[in-house]
PDB file of N, CA and C in Angstrom:
ATOM      1  N   MET A   1    -144.268 -48.667-113.386  1.00  0.00           N
ATOM      2  CA  MET A   1    -142.839 -48.626-113.171  1.00  0.00           C
ATOM      3  C   MET A   1    -142.128 -49.811-113.833  1.00  0.00           C
ATOM      4  N   ILE A   2    -142.752 -50.979-113.809  1.00  0.00           N
ATOM      5  CA  ILE A   2    -142.132 -52.163-114.410  1.00  0.00           C
ATOM      6  C   ILE A   2    -141.956 -52.002-115.923  1.00  0.00           C
ATOM      7  N   PRO A   3    -142.944 -51.449-116.656  1.00  0.00           N
ATOM      8  CA  PRO A   3    -142.712 -51.263-118.099  1.00  0.00           C
ATOM      9  C   PRO A   3    -141.519 -50.343-118.400  1.00  0.00           C
ATOM     10  N   VAL A   4    -141.318 -49.338-117.578  1.00  0.00           N
ATOM     11  CA  VAL A   4    -140.189 -48.432-117.783  1.00  0.00           C
ATOM     12  C   VAL A   4    -138.875 -49.171-117.534  1.00  0.00           C
ATOM     13  N   MET A   5    -138.835 -50.001-116.494  1.00  0.00           N
ATOM     14  CA  MET A   5    -137.633 -50.778-116.203  1.00  0.00           C
ATOM     15  C   MET A   5    -137.353 -51.779-117.323  1.00  0.00           C
ATOM     16  N   THR A   6    -138.412 -52.382-117.861  1.00  0.00           N
ATOM     17  CA  THR A   6    -138.257 -53.341-118.954  1.00  0.00           C
ATOM     18  C   THR A   6    -137.686 -52.652-120.188  1.00  0.00           C
ATOM     19  N   LEU A   7    -138.185 -51.476-120.479  1.00  0.00           N
ATOM     20  CA  LEU A   7    -137.681 -50.714-121.621  1.00  0.00           C
ATOM     21  C   LEU A   7    -136.207 -50.360-121.424  1.00  0.00           C
ATOM     22  N   GLY A   8    -135.858 -49.937-120.230  1.00  0.00           N
ATOM     23  CA  GLY A   8    -134.460 -49.611-119.936  1.00  0.00           C
ATOM     24  C   GLY A   8    -133.551 -50.818-120.085  1.00  0.00           C
ATOM     25  N   LEU A   9    -134.012 -51.973-119.629  1.00  0.00           N
ATOM     26  CA  LEU A   9    -133.235 -53.201-119.757  1.00  0.00           C
ATOM     27  C   LEU A   9    -133.064 -53.584-121.226  1.00  0.00           C
ATOM     28  N   ALA A  10    -134.126 -53.451-122.004  1.00  0.00           N
ATOM     29  CA  ALA A  10    -134.062 -53.798-123.427  1.00  0.00           C
ATOM     30  C   ALA A  10    -133.072 -52.898-124.164  1.00  0.00           C
ATOM     31  N   VAL A  11    -133.097 -51.620-123.872  1.00  0.00           N
ATOM     32  CA  VAL A  11    -132.170 -50.688-124.514  1.00  0.00           C
ATOM     33  C   VAL A  11    -130.736 -51.001-124.089  1.00  0.00           C
ATOM     34  N   GLY A  12    -130.536 -51.308-122.835  1.00  0.00           N
ATOM     35  CA  GLY A  12    -129.200 -51.645-122.343  1.00  0.00           C
ATOM     36  C   GLY A  12    -128.646 -52.898-122.988  1.00  0.00           C
ATOM     37  N   LEU A  13    -129.477 -53.910-123.143  1.00  0.00           N
ATOM     38  CA  LEU A  13    -129.032 -55.159-123.754  1.00  0.00           C
ATOM     39  C   LEU A  13    -128.754 -55.009-125.244  1.00  0.00           C
ATOM     40  N   ALA A  14    -129.397 -54.044-125.873  1.00  0.00           N
ATOM     41  CA  ALA A  14    -129.169 -53.827-127.301  1.00  0.00           C
ATOM     42  C   ALA A  14    -127.715 -53.437-127.578  1.00  0.00           C
ATOM     43  N   PHE A  15    -127.075 -52.820-126.607  1.00  0.00           N
ATOM     44  CA  PHE A  15    -125.691 -52.381-126.778  1.00  0.00           C
ATOM     45  C   PHE A  15    -124.700 -53.265-126.024  1.00  0.00           C
ATOM     46  N   ALA A  16    -125.154 -54.401-125.529  1.00  0.00           N
ATOM     47  CA  ALA A  16    -124.297 -55.271-124.724  1.00  0.00           C
ATOM     48  C   ALA A  16    -123.263 -56.022-125.560  1.00  0.00           C
ATOM     49  N   ASN A  17    -123.550 -56.284-126.828  1.00  0.00           N
ATOM     50  CA  ASN A  17    -122.611 -57.015-127.677  1.00  0.00           C
ATOM     51  C   ASN A  17    -121.573 -56.037-128.211  1.00  0.00           C
ATOM     52  N   THR A  18    -120.375 -56.095-127.644  1.00  0.00           N
ATOM     53  CA  THR A  18    -119.327 -55.166-128.071  1.00  0.00           C
ATOM     54  C   THR A  18    -118.382 -55.793-129.085  1.00  0.00           C
ATOM     55  N   THR A  19    -118.661 -57.012-129.512  1.00  0.00           N
ATOM     56  CA  THR A  19    -117.809 -57.682-130.484  1.00  0.00           C
ATOM     57  C   THR A  19    -117.928 -57.002-131.840  1.00  0.00           C
ATOM     58  N   THR A  20    -116.808 -56.642-132.414  1.00  0.00           N
ATOM     59  CA  THR A  20    -116.800 -56.041-133.737  1.00  0.00           C
ATOM     60  C   THR A  20    -116.847 -57.158-134.775  1.00  0.00           C
ATOM     61  N   GLN A  21    -117.885 -57.139-135.581  1.00  0.00           N
ATOM     62  CA  GLN A  21    -118.011 -58.136-136.631  1.00  0.00           C
ATOM     63  C   GLN A  21    -117.231 -57.645-137.846  1.00  0.00           C
ATOM     64  N   SER A  22    -116.373 -58.483-138.357  1.00  0.00           N
ATOM     65  CA  SER A  22    -115.515 -58.091-139.468  1.00  0.00           C
ATOM     66  C   SER A  22    -115.529 -59.167-140.539  1.00  0.00           C
ATOM     67  N   ASN A  23    -115.373 -58.747-141.779  1.00  0.00           N
ATOM     68  CA  ASN A  23    -115.268 -59.693-142.876  1.00  0.00           C
ATOM     69  C   ASN A  23    -113.932 -60.403-142.864  1.00  0.00           C
ATOM     70  N   GLY A  24    -112.977 -59.877-142.168  1.00  0.00           N
ATOM     71  CA  GLY A  24    -111.647 -60.451-142.131  1.00  0.00           C
ATOM     72  C   GLY A  24    -110.650 -59.554-142.844  1.00  0.00           C
ATOM     73  N   TRP A  25    -109.395 -59.756-142.509  1.00  0.00           N
ATOM     74  CA  TRP A  25    -108.309 -58.953-143.055  1.00  0.00           C
ATOM     75  C   TRP A  25    -107.224 -59.871-143.599  1.00  0.00           C
ATOM     76  N   ILE A  26    -106.571 -59.434-144.667  1.00  0.00           N
ATOM     77  CA  ILE A  26    -105.436 -60.178-145.218  1.00  0.00           C
ATOM     78  C   ILE A  26    -104.227 -59.251-145.288  1.00  0.00           C
ATOM     79  N   ASN A  27    -103.056 -59.842-145.364  1.00  0.00           N
ATOM     80  CA  ASN A  27    -101.818 -59.092-145.530  1.00  0.00           C
ATOM     81  C   ASN A  27    -101.518 -59.058-147.028  1.00  0.00           C
ATOM     82  N   LEU A  28    -101.848 -57.945-147.670  1.00  0.00           N
ATOM     83  CA  LEU A  28    -101.656 -57.802-149.111  1.00  0.00           C
ATOM     84  C   LEU A  28    -100.408 -56.958-149.361  1.00  0.00           C
ATOM     85  N   ASN A  29     -99.305 -57.623-149.639  1.00  0.00           N
ATOM     86  CA  ASN A  29     -98.025 -56.949-149.897  1.00  0.00           C
ATOM     87  C   ASN A  29     -97.617 -56.028-148.745  1.00  0.00           C
ATOM     88  N   GLY A  30     -97.821 -56.498-147.507  1.00  0.00           N
ATOM     89  CA  GLY A  30     -97.435 -55.728-146.333  1.00  0.00           C
ATOM     90  C   GLY A  30     -98.459 -54.719-145.864  1.00  0.00           C
ATOM     91  N   ILE A  31     -99.612 -54.659-146.523  1.00  0.00           N
ATOM     92  CA  ILE A  31    -100.659 -53.700-146.160  1.00  0.00           C
ATOM     93  C   ILE A  31    -101.895 -54.461-145.685  1.00  0.00           C
ATOM     94  N   PRO A  32    -102.375 -54.182-144.451  1.00  0.00           N
ATOM     95  CA  PRO A  32    -103.613 -54.821-143.995  1.00  0.00           C
ATOM     96  C   PRO A  32    -104.775 -54.391-144.892  1.00  0.00           C
ATOM     97  N   THR A  33    -105.468 -55.365-145.475  1.00  0.00           N
ATOM     98  CA  THR A  33    -106.554 -55.093-146.412  1.00  0.00           C
ATOM     99  C   THR A  33    -107.787 -55.867-145.980  1.00  0.00           C
ATOM    100  N   GLN A  34    -108.920 -55.142-145.834  1.00  0.00           N
ATOM    101  CA  GLN A  34    -110.148 -55.798-145.394  1.00  0.00           C
ATOM    102  C   GLN A  34    -110.845 -56.458-146.576  1.00  0.00           C
ATOM    103  N   LEU A  35    -111.351 -57.670-146.349  1.00  0.00           N
ATOM    104  CA  LEU A  35    -112.095 -58.386-147.383  1.00  0.00           C
ATOM    105  C   LEU A  35    -113.471 -57.764-147.555  1.00  0.00           C
ATOM    106  N   ASP A  36    -114.030 -57.857-148.765  1.00  0.00           N
ATOM    107  CA  ASP A  36    -115.367 -57.333-149.038  1.00  0.00           C
ATOM    108  C   ASP A  36    -116.457 -58.236-148.473  1.00  0.00           C
ATOM    109  N   THR A  37    -116.168 -59.521-148.370  1.00  0.00           N
ATOM    110  CA  THR A  37    -117.140 -60.482-147.854  1.00  0.00           C
ATOM    111  C   THR A  37    -116.481 -61.315-146.760  1.00  0.00           C
ATOM    112  N   ASP A  38    -117.289 -62.068-146.029  1.00  0.00           N
ATOM    113  CA  ASP A  38    -116.755 -62.945-144.987  1.00  0.00           C
ATOM    114  C   ASP A  38    -116.903 -64.386-145.440  1.00  0.00           C
ATOM    115  N   PRO A  39    -115.862 -64.951-146.034  1.00  0.00           N
ATOM    116  CA  PRO A  39    -115.964 -66.319-146.530  1.00  0.00           C
ATOM    117  C   PRO A  39    -115.792 -67.367-145.434  1.00  0.00           C
ATOM    118  N   CYS A  40    -115.277 -66.971-144.281  1.00  0.00           N
ATOM    119  CA  CYS A  40    -114.906 -67.927-143.234  1.00  0.00           C
ATOM    120  C   CYS A  40    -116.127 -68.384-142.444  1.00  0.00           C
ATOM    121  N   GLU A  41    -116.328 -69.688-142.395  1.00  0.00           N
ATOM    122  CA  GLU A  41    -117.431 -70.272-141.640  1.00  0.00           C
ATOM    123  C   GLU A  41    -116.906 -71.456-140.851  1.00  0.00           C
ATOM    124  N   GLY A  42    -117.411 -71.629-139.660  1.00  0.00           N
ATOM    125  CA  GLY A  42    -117.041 -72.789-138.865  1.00  0.00           C
ATOM    126  C   GLY A  42    -115.951 -72.490-137.855  1.00  0.00           C
ATOM    127  N   LEU A  43    -115.475 -73.565-137.217  1.00  0.00           N
ATOM    128  CA  LEU A  43    -114.471 -73.460-136.158  1.00  0.00           C
ATOM    129  C   LEU A  43    -113.414 -74.539-136.334  1.00  0.00           C
ATOM    130  N   ASN A  44    -112.465 -74.563-135.439  1.00  0.00           N
ATOM    131  CA  ASN A  44    -111.446 -75.613-135.327  1.00  0.00           C
ATOM    132  C   ASN A  44    -110.337 -75.559-136.371  1.00  0.00           C
ATOM    133  N   ARG A  45    -110.387 -74.688-137.327  1.00  0.00           N
ATOM    134  CA  ARG A  45    -109.334 -74.541-138.329  1.00  0.00           C
ATOM    135  C   ARG A  45    -109.035 -73.044-138.474  1.00  0.00           C
ATOM    136  N   GLU A  46    -108.022 -72.708-139.251  1.00  0.00           N
ATOM    137  CA  GLU A  46    -107.705 -71.306-139.514  1.00  0.00           C
ATOM    138  C   GLU A  46    -108.072 -70.971-140.956  1.00  0.00           C
ATOM    139  N   CYS A  47    -108.712 -69.831-141.136  1.00  0.00           N
ATOM    140  CA  CYS A  47    -109.245 -69.437-142.443  1.00  0.00           C
ATOM    141  C   CYS A  47    -108.145 -68.902-143.359  1.00  0.00           C
ATOM    142  N   SER A  48    -108.268 -69.248-144.629  1.00  0.00           N
ATOM    143  CA  SER A  48    -107.413 -68.684-145.670  1.00  0.00           C
ATOM    144  C   SER A  48    -108.242 -68.547-146.942  1.00  0.00           C
ATOM    145  N   VAL A  49    -107.814 -67.637-147.808  1.00  0.00           N
ATOM    146  CA  VAL A  49    -108.537 -67.390-149.053  1.00  0.00           C
ATOM    147  C   VAL A  49    -107.564 -67.364-150.219  1.00  0.00           C
ATOM    148  N   ILE A  50    -108.112 -67.602-151.399  1.00  0.00           N
ATOM    149  CA  ILE A  50    -107.357 -67.478-152.641  1.00  0.00           C
ATOM    150  C   ILE A  50    -108.268 -66.753-153.632  1.00  0.00           C
ATOM    151  N   TYR A  51    -107.704 -65.779-154.352  1.00  0.00           N
ATOM    152  CA  TYR A  51    -108.501 -65.043-155.330  1.00  0.00           C
ATOM    153  C   TYR A  51    -108.543 -65.818-156.636  1.00  0.00           C
ATOM    154  N   GLN A  52    -109.732 -65.927-157.193  1.00  0.00           N
ATOM    155  CA  GLN A  52    -109.970 -66.723-158.397  1.00  0.00           C
ATOM    156  C   GLN A  52    -109.110 -66.270-159.574  1.00  0.00           C
ATOM    157  N   ASP A  53    -108.935 -64.962-159.736  1.00  0.00           N
ATOM    158  CA  ASP A  53    -108.218 -64.434-160.897  1.00  0.00           C
ATOM    159  C   ASP A  53    -106.802 -63.957-160.576  1.00  0.00           C
ATOM    160  N   ASP A  54    -106.248 -64.364-159.447  1.00  0.00           N
ATOM    161  CA  ASP A  54    -104.882 -63.975-159.095  1.00  0.00           C
ATOM    162  C   ASP A  54    -103.903 -64.787-159.942  1.00  0.00           C
ATOM    163  N   PRO A  55    -103.134 -64.139-160.826  1.00  0.00           N
ATOM    164  CA  PRO A  55    -102.219 -64.886-161.693  1.00  0.00           C
ATOM    165  C   PRO A  55    -101.133 -65.633-160.912  1.00  0.00           C
ATOM    166  N   GLN A  56    -100.822 -65.178-159.698  1.00  0.00           N
ATOM    167  CA  GLN A  56     -99.802 -65.838-158.884  1.00  0.00           C
ATOM    168  C   GLN A  56    -100.387 -66.961-158.030  1.00  0.00           C
ATOM    169  N   GLY A  57    -101.699 -67.025-157.916  1.00  0.00           N
ATOM    170  CA  GLY A  57    -102.341 -68.076-157.133  1.00  0.00           C
ATOM    171  C   GLY A  57    -101.961 -68.065-155.662  1.00  0.00           C
ATOM    172  N   ARG A  58    -101.757 -66.870-155.103  1.00  0.00           N
ATOM    173  CA  ARG A  58    -101.337 -66.752-153.704  1.00  0.00           C
ATOM    174  C   ARG A  58    -102.462 -67.127-152.742  1.00  0.00           C
ATOM    175  N   ILE A  59    -102.096 -67.748-151.647  1.00  0.00           N
ATOM    176  CA  ILE A  59    -103.042 -68.066-150.580  1.00  0.00           C
ATOM    177  C   ILE A  59    -102.808 -67.064-149.459  1.00  0.00           C
ATOM    178  N   PHE A  60    -103.882 -66.390-149.045  1.00  0.00           N
ATOM    179  CA  PHE A  60    -103.794 -65.372-148.003  1.00  0.00           C
ATOM    180  C   PHE A  60    -104.416 -65.893-146.714  1.00  0.00           C
ATOM    181  N   GLU A  61    -103.703 -65.748-145.609  1.00  0.00           N
ATOM    182  CA  GLU A  61    -104.252 -66.067-144.303  1.00  0.00           C
ATOM    183  C   GLU A  61    -105.210 -64.947-143.915  1.00  0.00           C
ATOM    184  N   VAL A  62    -106.340 -65.299-143.286  1.00  0.00           N
ATOM    185  CA  VAL A  62    -107.350 -64.316-142.907  1.00  0.00           C
ATOM    186  C   VAL A  62    -107.257 -64.064-141.405  1.00  0.00           C
ATOM    187  N   TYR A  63    -107.253 -62.773-141.038  1.00  0.00           N
ATOM    188  CA  TYR A  63    -107.135 -62.351-139.645  1.00  0.00           C
ATOM    189  C   TYR A  63    -108.414 -61.653-139.192  1.00  0.00           C
ATOM    190  N   THR A  64    -108.588 -61.543-137.870  1.00  0.00           N
ATOM    191  CA  THR A  64    -109.809 -60.953-137.320  1.00  0.00           C
ATOM    192  C   THR A  64    -109.828 -59.436-137.385  1.00  0.00           C
ATOM    193  N   ASP A  65    -108.654 -58.799-137.399  1.00  0.00           N
ATOM    194  CA  ASP A  65    -108.609 -57.340-137.462  1.00  0.00           C
ATOM    195  C   ASP A  65    -107.337 -56.881-138.175  1.00  0.00           C
ATOM    196  N   MET A  66    -107.208 -55.575-138.309  1.00  0.00           N
ATOM    197  CA  MET A  66    -106.113 -55.032-139.111  1.00  0.00           C
ATOM    198  C   MET A  66    -104.742 -55.153-138.451  1.00  0.00           C
ATOM    199  N   SER A  67    -104.688 -55.606-137.206  1.00  0.00           N
ATOM    200  CA  SER A  67    -103.377 -55.809-136.582  1.00  0.00           C
ATOM    201  C   SER A  67    -102.697 -57.071-137.125  1.00  0.00           C
ATOM    202  N   LEU A  68    -103.465 -57.919-137.790  1.00  0.00           N
ATOM    203  CA  LEU A  68    -102.968 -59.145-138.419  1.00  0.00           C
ATOM    204  C   LEU A  68    -102.246 -60.061-137.424  1.00  0.00           C
ATOM    205  N   THR A  69    -102.823 -60.175-136.219  1.00  0.00           N
ATOM    206  CA  THR A  69    -102.208 -61.034-135.208  1.00  0.00           C
ATOM    207  C   THR A  69    -103.035 -62.271-134.893  1.00  0.00           C
ATOM    208  N   THR A  70    -104.361 -62.180-134.954  1.00  0.00           N
ATOM    209  CA  THR A  70    -105.224 -63.307-134.596  1.00  0.00           C
ATOM    210  C   THR A  70    -105.899 -63.851-135.843  1.00  0.00           C
ATOM    211  N   ARG A  71    -105.658 -65.120-136.133  1.00  0.00           N
ATOM    212  CA  ARG A  71    -106.259 -65.750-137.310  1.00  0.00           C
ATOM    213  C   ARG A  71    -107.757 -65.934-137.105  1.00  0.00           C
ATOM    214  N   LYS A  72    -108.504 -65.788-138.183  1.00  0.00           N
ATOM    215  CA  LYS A  72    -109.948 -65.985-138.169  1.00  0.00           C
ATOM    216  C   LYS A  72    -110.240 -67.481-138.302  1.00  0.00           C
ATOM    217  N   ALA A  73    -111.266 -67.944-137.600  1.00  0.00           N
ATOM    218  CA  ALA A  73    -111.606 -69.369-137.585  1.00  0.00           C
ATOM    219  C   ALA A  73    -112.307 -69.795-138.869  1.00  0.00           C
ATOM    220  N   SER A  74    -112.163 -71.074-139.176  1.00  0.00           N
ATOM    221  CA  SER A  74    -112.777 -71.678-140.354  1.00  0.00           C
ATOM    222  C   SER A  74    -113.113 -73.121-140.028  1.00  0.00           C
ATOM    223  N   GLY A  75    -113.967 -73.712-140.825  1.00  0.00           N
ATOM    224  CA  GLY A  75    -114.329 -75.102-140.616  1.00  0.00           C
ATOM    225  C   GLY A  75    -113.671 -76.061-141.592  1.00  0.00           C
ATOM    226  N   VAL A  76    -112.881 -75.528-142.521  1.00  0.00           N
ATOM    227  CA  VAL A  76    -112.251 -76.379-143.539  1.00  0.00           C
ATOM    228  C   VAL A  76    -110.756 -76.080-143.634  1.00  0.00           C
ATOM    229  N   ASP A  77    -110.007 -77.045-144.151  1.00  0.00           N
ATOM    230  CA  ASP A  77    -108.563 -76.868-144.324  1.00  0.00           C
ATOM    231  C   ASP A  77    -108.200 -76.171-145.630  1.00  0.00           C
ATOM    232  N   THR A  78    -109.071 -76.255-146.621  1.00  0.00           N
ATOM    233  CA  THR A  78    -108.767 -75.677-147.930  1.00  0.00           C
ATOM    234  C   THR A  78    -109.137 -74.197-147.959  1.00  0.00           C
ATOM    235  N   PRO A  79    -108.409 -73.390-148.739  1.00  0.00           N
ATOM    236  CA  PRO A  79    -108.728 -71.963-148.832  1.00  0.00           C
ATOM    237  C   PRO A  79    -110.076 -71.730-149.518  1.00  0.00           C
ATOM    238  N   TYR A  80    -110.778 -70.718-149.051  1.00  0.00           N
ATOM    239  CA  TYR A  80    -112.007 -70.291-149.713  1.00  0.00           C
ATOM    240  C   TYR A  80    -111.626 -69.531-150.980  1.00  0.00           C
ATOM    241  N   VAL A  81    -112.367 -69.732-152.057  1.00  0.00           N
ATOM    242  CA  VAL A  81    -112.102 -69.046-153.323  1.00  0.00           C
ATOM    243  C   VAL A  81    -112.973 -67.798-153.385  1.00  0.00           C
ATOM    244  N   ILE A  82    -112.325 -66.655-153.626  1.00  0.00           N
ATOM    245  CA  ILE A  82    -113.014 -65.371-153.725  1.00  0.00           C
ATOM    246  C   ILE A  82    -112.912 -64.901-155.168  1.00  0.00           C
ATOM    247  N   PRO A  83    -114.013 -64.429-155.769  1.00  0.00           N
ATOM    248  CA  PRO A  83    -113.941 -63.932-157.144  1.00  0.00           C
ATOM    249  C   PRO A  83    -113.090 -62.665-157.245  1.00  0.00           C
ATOM    250  N   GLY A  84    -112.460 -62.481-158.382  1.00  0.00           N
ATOM    251  CA  GLY A  84    -111.692 -61.268-158.632  1.00  0.00           C
ATOM    252  C   GLY A  84    -110.211 -61.432-158.365  1.00  0.00           C
ATOM    253  N   THR A  85    -109.543 -60.274-158.244  1.00  0.00           N
ATOM    254  CA  THR A  85    -108.107 -60.243-157.974  1.00  0.00           C
ATOM    255  C   THR A  85    -107.866 -59.474-156.682  1.00  0.00           C
ATOM    256  N   PRO A  86    -106.735 -59.729-156.047  1.00  0.00           N
ATOM    257  CA  PRO A  86    -106.451 -58.997-154.798  1.00  0.00           C
ATOM    258  C   PRO A  86    -106.134 -57.531-155.050  1.00  0.00           C
TER     259      PRO A  86
END
């Protein structure tokens, strides 16, 4: 009976993490756009990114989801550089 209970507990815990992991979202000309990668690492600061080939050199604030209300955490003050264009 104990092995069956252990198996049930293991399966239950496998689904216990309900946090949605996201690469982050930016506001691209009024449209929520998900990033292809997650450049944000660390805590205590707010994440921002800049695209390497953006001719305007815009800095985008990174959010946790497409509602664009909660900023994603970062460990640095400077924007992360992402290859390509927005």
